[in-house]
């Protein structure tokens, strides 16, 4: 532990921020996983769309806060939509 008071405060703050960031990343992963499961199990379309909407919303929030990079959020959303569109094409044929 550091001796300087301001550095001690910085350590405490960085630990709190780290915990918050880990929680946000975990939440984003959870929502993406739920959306993937909904797509893969051929759930009703409304349920899938809602799961994707929540996943995209969570990814956008984490990217906006700087927890993940904006390109990473875009990539994850793109992969989700690609999977959804592929499933919709297969169901349509």
PDB file of N, CA and C in Angstrom:
ATOM      1  N   UNK A   1       0.849  -1.180   0.000  1.00  0.00           N
ATOM      2  CA  UNK A   1       0.000   0.000   0.000  1.00  0.00           C
ATOM      3  C   UNK A   1       0.894   1.241   0.000  1.00  0.00           C
ATOM      4  N   UNK A   2       0.533   2.238  -0.797  1.00  0.00           N
ATOM      5  CA  UNK A   2       1.357   3.454  -0.860  1.00  0.00           C
ATOM      6  C   UNK A   2       1.318   4.267   0.437  1.00  0.00           C
ATOM      7  N   UNK A   3       2.294   5.141   0.586  1.00  0.00           N
ATOM      8  CA  UNK A   3       2.378   5.995   1.772  1.00  0.00           C
ATOM      9  C   UNK A   3       1.691   7.339   1.579  1.00  0.00           C
ATOM     10  N   UNK A   4       1.639   7.810   0.346  1.00  0.00           N
ATOM     11  CA  UNK A   4       1.095   9.138   0.068  1.00  0.00           C
ATOM     12  C   UNK A   4      -0.433   9.073   0.033  1.00  0.00           C
ATOM     13  N   UNK A   5      -1.045  10.043   0.685  1.00  0.00           N
ATOM     14  CA  UNK A   5      -2.501  10.042   0.855  1.00  0.00           C
ATOM     15  C   UNK A   5      -3.247  10.069  -0.486  1.00  0.00           C
ATOM     16  N   UNK A   6      -2.817  10.898  -1.405  1.00  0.00           N
ATOM     17  CA  UNK A   6      -3.507  11.009  -2.698  1.00  0.00           C
ATOM     18  C   UNK A   6      -3.378   9.715  -3.502  1.00  0.00           C
ATOM     19  N   UNK A   7      -2.239   9.049  -3.377  1.00  0.00           N
ATOM     20  CA  UNK A   7      -2.040   7.786  -4.093  1.00  0.00           C
ATOM     21  C   UNK A   7      -2.920   6.692  -3.492  1.00  0.00           C
ATOM     22  N   UNK A   8      -3.088   6.729  -2.163  1.00  0.00           N
ATOM     23  CA  UNK A   8      -3.990   5.779  -1.512  1.00  0.00           C
ATOM     24  C   UNK A   8      -5.408   5.941  -2.050  1.00  0.00           C
ATOM     25  N   UNK A   9      -5.839   7.209  -2.187  1.00  0.00           N
ATOM     26  CA  UNK A   9      -7.165   7.492  -2.723  1.00  0.00           C
ATOM     27  C   UNK A   9      -7.284   6.997  -4.172  1.00  0.00           C
ATOM     28  N   UNK A  10      -6.217   7.196  -4.935  1.00  0.00           N
ATOM     29  CA  UNK A  10      -6.219   6.736  -6.328  1.00  0.00           C
ATOM     30  C   UNK A  10      -6.360   5.221  -6.412  1.00  0.00           C
ATOM     31  N   UNK A  11      -5.685   4.519  -5.515  1.00  0.00           N
ATOM     32  CA  UNK A  11      -5.754   3.056  -5.498  1.00  0.00           C
ATOM     33  C   UNK A  11      -7.181   2.607  -5.187  1.00  0.00           C
ATOM     34  N   UNK A  12      -7.784   3.232  -4.198  1.00  0.00           N
ATOM     35  CA  UNK A  12      -9.159   2.883  -3.826  1.00  0.00           C
ATOM     36  C   UNK A  12     -10.106   3.158  -4.989  1.00  0.00           C
ATOM     37  N   UNK A  13      -9.939   4.310  -5.617  1.00  0.00           N
ATOM     38  CA  UNK A  13     -10.806   4.688  -6.735  1.00  0.00           C
ATOM     39  C   UNK A  13     -10.629   3.734  -7.920  1.00  0.00           C
ATOM     40  N   UNK A  14      -9.391   3.380  -8.212  1.00  0.00           N
ATOM     41  CA  UNK A  14      -9.162   2.488  -9.351  1.00  0.00           C
ATOM     42  C   UNK A  14      -9.739   1.098  -9.093  1.00  0.00           C
ATOM     43  N   UNK A  15      -9.704   0.655  -7.839  1.00  0.00           N
ATOM     44  CA  UNK A  15     -10.312  -0.645  -7.504  1.00  0.00           C
ATOM     45  C   UNK A  15     -11.819  -0.610  -7.684  1.00  0.00           C
ATOM     46  N   UNK A  16     -12.442   0.497  -7.253  1.00  0.00           N
ATOM     47  CA  UNK A  16     -13.886   0.649  -7.417  1.00  0.00           C
ATOM     48  C   UNK A  16     -14.261   0.680  -8.902  1.00  0.00           C
ATOM     49  N   UNK A  17     -13.484   1.442  -9.670  1.00  0.00           N
ATOM     50  CA  UNK A  17     -13.735   1.520 -11.112  1.00  0.00           C
ATOM     51  C   UNK A  17     -13.550   0.166 -11.773  1.00  0.00           C
ATOM     52  N   UNK A  18     -12.539  -0.569 -11.338  1.00  0.00           N
ATOM     53  CA  UNK A  18     -12.283  -1.888 -11.894  1.00  0.00           C
ATOM     54  C   UNK A  18     -13.476  -2.816 -11.645  1.00  0.00           C
ATOM     55  N   UNK A  19     -13.997  -2.794 -10.430  1.00  0.00           N
ATOM     56  CA  UNK A  19     -15.155  -3.631 -10.101  1.00  0.00           C
ATOM     57  C   UNK A  19     -16.355  -3.241 -10.954  1.00  0.00           C
ATOM     58  N   UNK A  20     -16.566  -1.954 -11.136  1.00  0.00           N
ATOM     59  CA  UNK A  20     -17.683  -1.473 -11.954  1.00  0.00           C
ATOM     60  C   UNK A  20     -17.507  -1.918 -13.404  1.00  0.00           C
ATOM     61  N   UNK A  21     -16.288  -1.811 -13.914  1.00  0.00           N
ATOM     62  CA  UNK A  21     -16.017  -2.205 -15.299  1.00  0.00           C
ATOM     63  C   UNK A  21     -16.214  -3.698 -15.503  1.00  0.00           C
ATOM     64  N   UNK A  22     -15.759  -4.486 -14.546  1.00  0.00           N
ATOM     65  CA  UNK A  22     -15.913  -5.941 -14.645  1.00  0.00           C
ATOM     66  C   UNK A  22     -17.395  -6.303 -14.651  1.00  0.00           C
ATOM     67  N   UNK A  23     -18.172  -5.641 -13.803  1.00  0.00           N
ATOM     68  CA  UNK A  23     -19.611  -5.911 -13.751  1.00  0.00           C
ATOM     69  C   UNK A  23     -20.283  -5.539 -15.069  1.00  0.00           C
ATOM     70  N   UNK A  24     -19.899  -4.418 -15.650  1.00  0.00           N
ATOM     71  CA  UNK A  24     -20.497  -3.981 -16.918  1.00  0.00           C
ATOM     72  C   UNK A  24     -20.141  -4.929 -18.054  1.00  0.00           C
ATOM     73  N   UNK A  25     -18.886  -5.374 -18.095  1.00  0.00           N
ATOM     74  CA  UNK A  25     -18.468  -6.330 -19.128  1.00  0.00           C
ATOM     75  C   UNK A  25     -19.234  -7.633 -18.990  1.00  0.00           C
ATOM     76  N   UNK A  26     -19.390  -8.074 -17.758  1.00  0.00           N
ATOM     77  CA  UNK A  26     -20.106  -9.316 -17.492  1.00  0.00           C
ATOM     78  C   UNK A  26     -21.563  -9.205 -17.929  1.00  0.00           C
ATOM     79  N   UNK A  27     -22.191  -8.077 -17.635  1.00  0.00           N
ATOM     80  CA  UNK A  27     -23.584  -7.864 -18.037  1.00  0.00           C
ATOM     81  C   UNK A  27     -23.716  -7.881 -19.554  1.00  0.00           C
ATOM     82  N   UNK A  28     -22.787  -7.230 -20.237  1.00  0.00           N
ATOM     83  CA  UNK A  28     -22.828  -7.208 -21.703  1.00  0.00           C
ATOM     84  C   UNK A  28     -22.701  -8.623 -22.263  1.00  0.00           C
ATOM     85  N   UNK A  29     -21.780  -9.401 -21.711  1.00  0.00           N
ATOM     86  CA  UNK A  29     -21.601 -10.783 -22.169  1.00  0.00           C
ATOM     87  C   UNK A  29     -22.856 -11.602 -21.923  1.00  0.00           C
ATOM     88  N   UNK A  30     -23.496 -11.373 -20.789  1.00  0.00           N
ATOM     89  CA  UNK A  30     -24.709 -12.116 -20.442  1.00  0.00           C
ATOM     90  C   UNK A  30     -25.827 -11.815 -21.439  1.00  0.00           C
ATOM     91  N   UNK A  31     -26.023 -10.538 -21.763  1.00  0.00           N
ATOM     92  CA  UNK A  31     -27.085 -10.178 -22.702  1.00  0.00           C
ATOM     93  C   UNK A  31     -26.806 -10.721 -24.094  1.00  0.00           C
ATOM     94  N   UNK A  32     -25.543 -10.705 -24.515  1.00  0.00           N
ATOM     95  CA  UNK A  32     -25.184 -11.258 -25.824  1.00  0.00           C
ATOM     96  C   UNK A  32     -25.441 -12.767 -25.832  1.00  0.00           C
ATOM     97  N   UNK A  33     -25.090 -13.418 -24.740  1.00  0.00           N
ATOM     98  CA  UNK A  33     -25.296 -14.864 -24.644  1.00  0.00           C
ATOM     99  C   UNK A  33     -26.783 -15.204 -24.700  1.00  0.00           C
ATOM    100  N   UNK A  34     -27.615 -14.421 -23.991  1.00  0.00           N
ATOM    101  CA  UNK A  34     -29.055 -14.656 -24.008  1.00  0.00           C
ATOM    102  C   UNK A  34     -29.613 -14.489 -25.422  1.00  0.00           C
ATOM    103  N   UNK A  35     -29.126 -13.483 -26.138  1.00  0.00           N
ATOM    104  CA  UNK A  35     -29.590 -13.253 -27.513  1.00  0.00           C
ATOM    105  C   UNK A  35     -29.171 -14.409 -28.413  1.00  0.00           C
ATOM    106  N   UNK A  36     -27.931 -14.882 -28.266  1.00  0.00           N
ATOM    107  CA  UNK A  36     -27.464 -16.018 -29.065  1.00  0.00           C
ATOM    108  C   UNK A  36     -28.293 -17.263 -28.800  1.00  0.00           C
ATOM    109  N   UNK A  37     -28.575 -17.512 -27.536  1.00  0.00           N
ATOM    110  CA  UNK A  37     -29.372 -18.688 -27.168  1.00  0.00           C
ATOM    111  C   UNK A  37     -30.774 -18.574 -27.768  1.00  0.00           C
ATOM    112  N   UNK A  38     -31.365 -17.382 -27.700  1.00  0.00           N
ATOM    113  CA  UNK A  38     -32.697 -17.177 -28.274  1.00  0.00           C
ATOM    114  C   UNK A  38     -32.686 -17.451 -29.777  1.00  0.00           C
ATOM    115  N   UNK A  39     -31.635 -17.011 -30.451  1.00  0.00           N
ATOM    116  CA  UNK A  39     -31.525 -17.234 -31.898  1.00  0.00           C
ATOM    117  C   UNK A  39     -31.345 -18.718 -32.193  1.00  0.00           C
ATOM    118  N   UNK A  40     -30.445 -19.353 -31.467  1.00  0.00           N
ATOM    119  CA  UNK A  40     -30.120 -20.757 -31.736  1.00  0.00           C
ATOM    120  C   UNK A  40     -31.265 -21.714 -31.414  1.00  0.00           C
ATOM    121  N   UNK A  41     -32.091 -21.366 -30.444  1.00  0.00           N
ATOM    122  CA  UNK A  41     -33.202 -22.247 -30.071  1.00  0.00           C
ATOM    123  C   UNK A  41     -34.472 -21.934 -30.856  1.00  0.00           C
ATOM    124  N   UNK A  42     -34.376 -20.995 -31.817  1.00  0.00           N
ATOM    125  CA  UNK A  42     -35.518 -20.610 -32.655  1.00  0.00           C
ATOM    126  C   UNK A  42     -36.706 -20.184 -31.798  1.00  0.00           C
ATOM    127  N   UNK A  43     -36.435 -19.297 -30.850  1.00  0.00           N
ATOM    128  CA  UNK A  43     -37.494 -18.728 -30.009  1.00  0.00           C
ATOM    129  C   UNK A  43     -38.401 -17.862 -30.895  1.00  0.00           C
ATOM    130  N   UNK A  44     -39.552 -17.449 -30.383  1.00  0.00           N
ATOM    131  CA  UNK A  44     -40.419 -16.557 -31.173  1.00  0.00           C
ATOM    132  C   UNK A  44     -39.661 -15.301 -31.599  1.00  0.00           C
ATOM    133  N   UNK A  45     -40.004 -14.792 -32.776  1.00  0.00           N
ATOM    134  CA  UNK A  45     -39.253 -13.673 -33.345  1.00  0.00           C
ATOM    135  C   UNK A  45     -39.264 -12.441 -32.433  1.00  0.00           C
ATOM    136  N   UNK A  46     -40.400 -12.169 -31.810  1.00  0.00           N
ATOM    137  CA  UNK A  46     -40.488 -11.008 -30.918  1.00  0.00           C
ATOM    138  C   UNK A  46     -39.513 -11.147 -29.747  1.00  0.00           C
ATOM    139  N   UNK A  47     -39.395 -12.354 -29.225  1.00  0.00           N
ATOM    140  CA  UNK A  47     -38.479 -12.604 -28.110  1.00  0.00           C
ATOM    141  C   UNK A  47     -37.034 -12.419 -28.545  1.00  0.00           C
ATOM    142  N   UNK A  48     -36.717 -12.883 -29.750  1.00  0.00           N
ATOM    143  CA  UNK A  48     -35.354 -12.745 -30.275  1.00  0.00           C
ATOM    144  C   UNK A  48     -35.025 -11.270 -30.484  1.00  0.00           C
ATOM    145  N   UNK A  49     -35.948 -10.545 -31.088  1.00  0.00           N
ATOM    146  CA  UNK A  49     -35.710  -9.120 -31.348  1.00  0.00           C
ATOM    147  C   UNK A  49     -35.496  -8.345 -30.038  1.00  0.00           C
ATOM    148  N   UNK A  50     -36.261  -8.683 -29.011  1.00  0.00           N
ATOM    149  CA  UNK A  50     -36.106  -8.016 -27.712  1.00  0.00           C
ATOM    150  C   UNK A  50     -34.749  -8.344 -27.095  1.00  0.00           C
ATOM    151  N   UNK A  51     -34.328  -9.603 -27.201  1.00  0.00           N
ATOM    152  CA  UNK A  51     -33.030 -10.002 -26.662  1.00  0.00           C
ATOM    153  C   UNK A  51     -31.897  -9.279 -27.392  1.00  0.00           C
ATOM    154  N   UNK A  52     -32.014  -9.167 -28.703  1.00  0.00           N
ATOM    155  CA  UNK A  52     -30.991  -8.467 -29.490  1.00  0.00           C
ATOM    156  C   UNK A  52     -30.984  -6.985 -29.134  1.00  0.00           C
ATOM    157  N   UNK A  53     -32.166  -6.397 -28.965  1.00  0.00           N
ATOM    158  CA  UNK A  53     -32.265  -4.982 -28.612  1.00  0.00           C
ATOM    159  C   UNK A  53     -31.556  -4.711 -27.282  1.00  0.00           C
ATOM    160  N   UNK A  54     -31.811  -5.563 -26.299  1.00  0.00           N
ATOM    161  CA  UNK A  54     -31.171  -5.388 -24.989  1.00  0.00           C
ATOM    162  C   UNK A  54     -29.656  -5.578 -25.074  1.00  0.00           C
ATOM    163  N   UNK A  55     -29.224  -6.554 -25.872  1.00  0.00           N
ATOM    164  CA  UNK A  55     -27.789  -6.791 -26.026  1.00  0.00           C
ATOM    165  C   UNK A  55     -27.111  -5.583 -26.675  1.00  0.00           C
ATOM    166  N   UNK A  56     -27.730  -5.053 -27.730  1.00  0.00           N
ATOM    167  CA  UNK A  56     -27.155  -3.889 -28.416  1.00  0.00           C
ATOM    168  C   UNK A  56     -27.116  -2.682 -27.496  1.00  0.00           C
ATOM    169  N   UNK A  57     -28.174  -2.503 -26.730  1.00  0.00           N
ATOM    170  CA  UNK A  57     -28.240  -1.378 -25.798  1.00  0.00           C
ATOM    171  C   UNK A  57     -27.117  -1.467 -24.772  1.00  0.00           C
ATOM    172  N   UNK A  58     -26.913  -2.660 -24.229  1.00  0.00           N
ATOM    173  CA  UNK A  58     -25.875  -2.855 -23.216  1.00  0.00           C
ATOM    174  C   UNK A  58     -24.480  -2.652 -23.814  1.00  0.00           C
ATOM    175  N   UNK A  59     -24.264  -3.168 -25.019  1.00  0.00           N
ATOM    176  CA  UNK A  59     -22.966  -2.995 -25.671  1.00  0.00           C
ATOM    177  C   UNK A  59     -22.698  -1.516 -25.949  1.00  0.00           C
ATOM    178  N   UNK A  60     -23.718  -0.797 -26.402  1.00  0.00           N
ATOM    179  CA  UNK A  60     -23.544   0.634 -26.660  1.00  0.00           C
ATOM    180  C   UNK A  60     -23.197   1.395 -25.382  1.00  0.00           C
ATOM    181  N   UNK A  61     -23.863   1.049 -24.289  1.00  0.00           N
ATOM    182  CA  UNK A  61     -23.590   1.722 -23.020  1.00  0.00           C
ATOM    183  C   UNK A  61     -22.157   1.472 -22.557  1.00  0.00           C
ATOM    184  N   UNK A  62     -21.711   0.216 -22.649  1.00  0.00           N
ATOM    185  CA  UNK A  62     -20.350  -0.083 -22.193  1.00  0.00           C
ATOM    186  C   UNK A  62     -19.315   0.602 -23.074  1.00  0.00           C
ATOM    187  N   UNK A  63     -19.603   0.697 -24.375  1.00  0.00           N
ATOM    188  CA  UNK A  63     -18.671   1.382 -25.273  1.00  0.00           C
ATOM    189  C   UNK A  63     -18.669   2.881 -25.005  1.00  0.00           C
ATOM    190  N   UNK A  64     -19.837   3.435 -24.735  1.00  0.00           N
ATOM    191  CA  UNK A  64     -19.947   4.870 -24.465  1.00  0.00           C
ATOM    192  C   UNK A  64     -19.174   5.254 -23.205  1.00  0.00           C
ATOM    193  N   UNK A  65     -19.187   4.383 -22.219  1.00  0.00           N
ATOM    194  CA  UNK A  65     -18.482   4.644 -20.962  1.00  0.00           C
ATOM    195  C   UNK A  65     -16.989   4.348 -21.060  1.00  0.00           C
ATOM    196  N   UNK A  66     -16.559   3.803 -22.195  1.00  0.00           N
ATOM    197  CA  UNK A  66     -15.142   3.520 -22.386  1.00  0.00           C
ATOM    198  C   UNK A  66     -14.686   2.214 -21.765  1.00  0.00           C
ATOM    199  N   UNK A  67     -15.628   1.351 -21.420  1.00  0.00           N
ATOM    200  CA  UNK A  67     -15.272   0.070 -20.801  1.00  0.00           C
ATOM    201  C   UNK A  67     -14.795  -0.909 -21.872  1.00  0.00           C
ATOM    202  N   UNK A  68     -15.465  -0.878 -23.025  1.00  0.00           N
ATOM    203  CA  UNK A  68     -14.978  -1.622 -24.192  1.00  0.00           C
ATOM    204  C   UNK A  68     -14.833  -0.624 -25.334  1.00  0.00           C
ATOM    205  N   UNK A  69     -14.052  -0.980 -26.321  1.00  0.00           N
ATOM    206  CA  UNK A  69     -13.833  -0.098 -27.458  1.00  0.00           C
ATOM    207  C   UNK A  69     -15.076  -0.069 -28.336  1.00  0.00           C
ATOM    208  N   UNK A  70     -15.337   1.055 -28.980  1.00  0.00           N
ATOM    209  CA  UNK A  70     -16.545   1.188 -29.802  1.00  0.00           C
ATOM    210  C   UNK A  70     -16.542   0.201 -30.967  1.00  0.00           C
ATOM    211  N   UNK A  71     -15.370  -0.114 -31.498  1.00  0.00           N
ATOM    212  CA  UNK A  71     -15.302  -1.084 -32.592  1.00  0.00           C
ATOM    213  C   UNK A  71     -15.628  -2.496 -32.107  1.00  0.00           C
ATOM    214  N   UNK A  72     -15.259  -2.792 -30.872  1.00  0.00           N
ATOM    215  CA  UNK A  72     -15.591  -4.103 -30.307  1.00  0.00           C
ATOM    216  C   UNK A  72     -17.098  -4.228 -30.142  1.00  0.00           C
ATOM    217  N   UNK A  73     -17.735  -3.166 -29.681  1.00  0.00           N
ATOM    218  CA  UNK A  73     -19.194  -3.178 -29.539  1.00  0.00           C
ATOM    219  C   UNK A  73     -19.848  -3.345 -30.901  1.00  0.00           C
ATOM    220  N   UNK A  74     -19.349  -2.632 -31.901  1.00  0.00           N
ATOM    221  CA  UNK A  74     -19.901  -2.730 -33.255  1.00  0.00           C
ATOM    222  C   UNK A  74     -19.718  -4.136 -33.809  1.00  0.00           C
ATOM    223  N   UNK A  75     -18.568  -4.725 -33.559  1.00  0.00           N
ATOM    224  CA  UNK A  75     -18.294  -6.083 -34.058  1.00  0.00           C
ATOM    225  C   UNK A  75     -19.241  -7.094 -33.427  1.00  0.00           C
ATOM    226  N   UNK A  76     -19.443  -6.987 -32.128  1.00  0.00           N
ATOM    227  CA  UNK A  76     -20.329  -7.929 -31.437  1.00  0.00           C
ATOM    228  C   UNK A  76     -21.775  -7.784 -31.910  1.00  0.00           C
ATOM    229  N   UNK A  77     -22.221  -6.536 -32.099  1.00  0.00           N
ATOM    230  CA  UNK A  77     -23.582  -6.304 -32.591  1.00  0.00           C
ATOM    231  C   UNK A  77     -23.730  -6.851 -34.010  1.00  0.00           C
ATOM    232  N   UNK A  78     -22.711  -6.631 -34.818  1.00  0.00           N
ATOM    233  CA  UNK A  78     -22.737  -7.107 -36.199  1.00  0.00           C
ATOM    234  C   UNK A  78     -22.835  -8.633 -36.255  1.00  0.00           C
ATOM    235  N   UNK A  79     -22.088  -9.289 -35.414  1.00  0.00           N
ATOM    236  CA  UNK A  79     -22.116 -10.758 -35.394  1.00  0.00           C
ATOM    237  C   UNK A  79     -23.475 -11.284 -34.938  1.00  0.00           C
ATOM    238  N   UNK A  80     -24.072 -10.590 -33.974  1.00  0.00           N
ATOM    239  CA  UNK A  80     -25.408 -10.977 -33.518  1.00  0.00           C
ATOM    240  C   UNK A  80     -26.418 -10.847 -34.646  1.00  0.00           C
ATOM    241  N   UNK A  81     -26.398  -9.705 -35.339  1.00  0.00           N
ATOM    242  CA  UNK A  81     -27.348  -9.467 -36.420  1.00  0.00           C
ATOM    243  C   UNK A  81     -27.114 -10.424 -37.581  1.00  0.00           C
ATOM    244  N   UNK A  82     -25.870 -10.739 -37.840  1.00  0.00           N
ATOM    245  CA  UNK A  82     -25.537 -11.684 -38.905  1.00  0.00           C
ATOM    246  C   UNK A  82     -26.130 -13.054 -38.589  1.00  0.00           C
ATOM    247  N   UNK A  83     -25.995 -13.480 -37.345  1.00  0.00           N
ATOM    248  CA  UNK A  83     -26.541 -14.769 -36.910  1.00  0.00           C
ATOM    249  C   UNK A  83     -28.068 -14.764 -37.009  1.00  0.00           C
ATOM    250  N   UNK A  84     -28.673 -13.649 -36.590  1.00  0.00           N
ATOM    251  CA  UNK A  84     -30.136 -13.521 -36.637  1.00  0.00           C
ATOM    252  C   UNK A  84     -30.635 -13.568 -38.078  1.00  0.00           C
ATOM    253  N   UNK A  85     -29.983 -12.803 -38.968  1.00  0.00           N
ATOM    254  CA  UNK A  85     -30.404 -12.773 -40.372  1.00  0.00           C
ATOM    255  C   UNK A  85     -30.252 -14.140 -41.034  1.00  0.00           C
ATOM    256  N   UNK A  86     -29.182 -14.847 -40.693  1.00  0.00           N
ATOM    257  CA  UNK A  86     -28.967 -16.188 -41.246  1.00  0.00           C
ATOM    258  C   UNK A  86     -30.089 -17.123 -40.787  1.00  0.00           C
ATOM    259  N   UNK A  87     -30.458 -17.030 -39.506  1.00  0.00           N
ATOM    260  CA  UNK A  87     -31.535 -17.875 -38.985  1.00  0.00           C
ATOM    261  C   UNK A  87     -32.857 -17.536 -39.656  1.00  0.00           C
ATOM    262  N   UNK A  88     -33.114 -16.245 -39.888  1.00  0.00           N
ATOM    263  CA  UNK A  88     -34.360 -15.826 -40.526  1.00  0.00           C
ATOM    264  C   UNK A  88     -34.425 -16.326 -41.970  1.00  0.00           C
ATOM    265  N   UNK A  89     -33.315 -16.318 -42.668  1.00  0.00           N
ATOM    266  CA  UNK A  89     -33.287 -16.816 -44.053  1.00  0.00           C
ATOM    267  C   UNK A  89     -33.572 -18.318 -44.076  1.00  0.00           C
ATOM    268  N   UNK A  90     -32.969 -19.054 -43.170  1.00  0.00           N
ATOM    269  CA  UNK A  90     -33.193 -20.496 -43.128  1.00  0.00           C
ATOM    270  C   UNK A  90     -34.640 -20.821 -42.770  1.00  0.00           C
ATOM    271  N   UNK A  91     -35.237 -20.031 -41.886  1.00  0.00           N
ATOM    272  CA  UNK A  91     -36.630 -20.266 -41.498  1.00  0.00           C
ATOM    273  C   UNK A  91     -37.560 -19.902 -42.644  1.00  0.00           C
ATOM    274  N   UNK A  92     -37.193 -18.902 -43.443  1.00  0.00           N
ATOM    275  CA  UNK A  92     -38.024 -18.464 -44.566  1.00  0.00           C
ATOM    276  C   UNK A  92     -38.019 -19.449 -45.716  1.00  0.00           C
ATOM    277  N   UNK A  93     -36.941 -20.213 -45.845  1.00  0.00           N
ATOM    278  CA  UNK A  93     -36.845 -21.154 -46.973  1.00  0.00           C
ATOM    279  C   UNK A  93     -37.459 -22.449 -46.629  1.00  0.00           C
TER     280      UNK A  93
END
